[in-house]
Amino acid sequence: MSAERTVIRWSLWIGVGLIVVALIARALDLIPVTVIVGLLGLLALGFAGYGALDEAASRASLRRRADRVKREREQGR
C-alpha cells in the first residue's frame, strides 16, 4: 500500500472519529467543543476526499497514457 493511500485512510478515520466526538459533545451541550472538533473533523474529511480524488485522477491519467502507448504500438505494426 502506498504512503499516500495510508495518509488518506488515516485522515478519513480521524475525520470520522472527530465528527463522532463532535456529536457526543453536542449531546452534552458543550457547544465550543462541538464547533472546534466539528471543524477539525470536516477539515480531515476534506483532506481525505481531496487525496482520494487526486489519486483517482492520477490513476486515470496512467490508464489513458498506457492506452495511448498501446494504440501507438498497434498502429506501428
Protein backbone atom coordinates (compact mmCIF):
# COMPACT_ATOMS: atom_id res chain seq x y z
CA MET A 1 0.00 0.00 0.00
CA SER A 2 1.34 3.39 -0.95
CA ALA A 3 2.10 6.07 1.60
CA GLU A 4 -0.49 8.36 0.03
CA ARG A 5 -3.24 5.77 0.49
CA THR A 6 -2.21 5.36 4.12
CA VAL A 7 -2.47 9.12 4.70
CA ILE A 8 -5.91 9.16 3.05
CA ARG A 9 -7.11 6.27 5.20
CA TRP A 10 -5.78 7.87 8.40
CA SER A 11 -7.38 11.21 7.52
CA LEU A 12 -10.68 9.52 6.84
CA TRP A 13 -10.78 7.67 10.16
CA ILE A 14 -9.55 10.66 12.15
CA GLY A 15 -12.22 12.81 10.50
CA VAL A 16 -14.96 10.29 11.25
CA GLY A 17 -13.76 10.00 14.84
CA LEU A 18 -13.74 13.75 15.32
CA ILE A 19 -17.26 14.06 13.89
CA VAL A 20 -18.45 11.39 16.34
CA VAL A 21 -16.80 13.30 19.20
CA ALA A 22 -18.50 16.48 17.98
CA LEU A 23 -21.88 14.74 18.01
CA ILE A 24 -21.28 13.48 21.54
CA ALA A 25 -20.18 16.95 22.65
CA ARG A 26 -23.32 18.40 21.08
CA ALA A 27 -25.46 15.94 23.01
CA LEU A 28 -23.73 17.10 26.20
CA ASP A 29 -24.30 20.79 25.30
CA LEU A 30 -20.57 21.52 25.01
CA ILE A 31 -21.02 23.96 22.15
CA PRO A 32 -17.44 25.35 21.94
CA VAL A 33 -16.03 21.81 21.87
CA THR A 34 -18.62 20.85 19.24
CA VAL A 35 -17.63 23.72 16.97
CA ILE A 36 -13.87 23.23 17.26
CA VAL A 37 -13.89 19.46 16.96
CA GLY A 38 -16.51 19.56 14.21
CA LEU A 39 -14.42 21.95 12.13
CA LEU A 40 -11.32 19.82 12.61
CA GLY A 41 -13.30 16.73 11.62
CA LEU A 42 -14.60 18.41 8.48
CA LEU A 43 -11.08 19.52 7.64
CA ALA A 44 -9.77 15.96 7.99
CA LEU A 45 -12.61 14.58 5.87
CA GLY A 46 -11.97 17.24 3.23
CA PHE A 47 -8.30 16.34 3.17
CA ALA A 48 -9.15 12.65 2.76
CA GLY A 49 -11.61 13.44 -0.02
CA TYR A 50 -9.12 15.61 -1.87
CA GLY A 51 -6.47 12.91 -1.58
CA ALA A 52 -8.84 10.24 -2.87
CA LEU A 53 -9.87 12.39 -5.85
CA ASP A 54 -6.24 13.24 -6.62
CA GLU A 55 -5.23 9.59 -6.50
CA ALA A 56 -8.15 8.58 -8.72
CA ALA A 57 -7.22 11.28 -11.24
CA SER A 58 -3.58 10.18 -11.33
CA ARG A 59 -4.60 6.55 -11.83
CA ALA A 60 -6.94 7.55 -14.67
CA SER A 61 -4.10 9.51 -16.23
CA LEU A 62 -1.83 6.48 -16.06
CA ARG A 63 -4.52 4.32 -17.69
CA ARG A 64 -5.01 6.86 -20.50
CA ARG A 65 -1.27 7.03 -21.07
CA ALA A 66 -1.00 3.23 -21.17
CA ASP A 67 -3.89 3.03 -23.65
CA ARG A 68 -2.28 5.66 -25.87
CA VAL A 69 1.04 3.77 -25.90
CA LYS A 70 -0.80 0.53 -26.67
CA ARG A 71 -2.64 2.14 -29.62
CA GLU A 72 0.60 3.64 -30.95
CA ARG A 73 2.33 0.25 -30.77
CA GLU A 74 -0.56 -1.46 -32.58
CA GLN A 75 -0.54 1.17 -35.35
CA GLY A 76 3.22 0.83 -35.74
CA ARG A 77 3.00 -2.88 -36.53
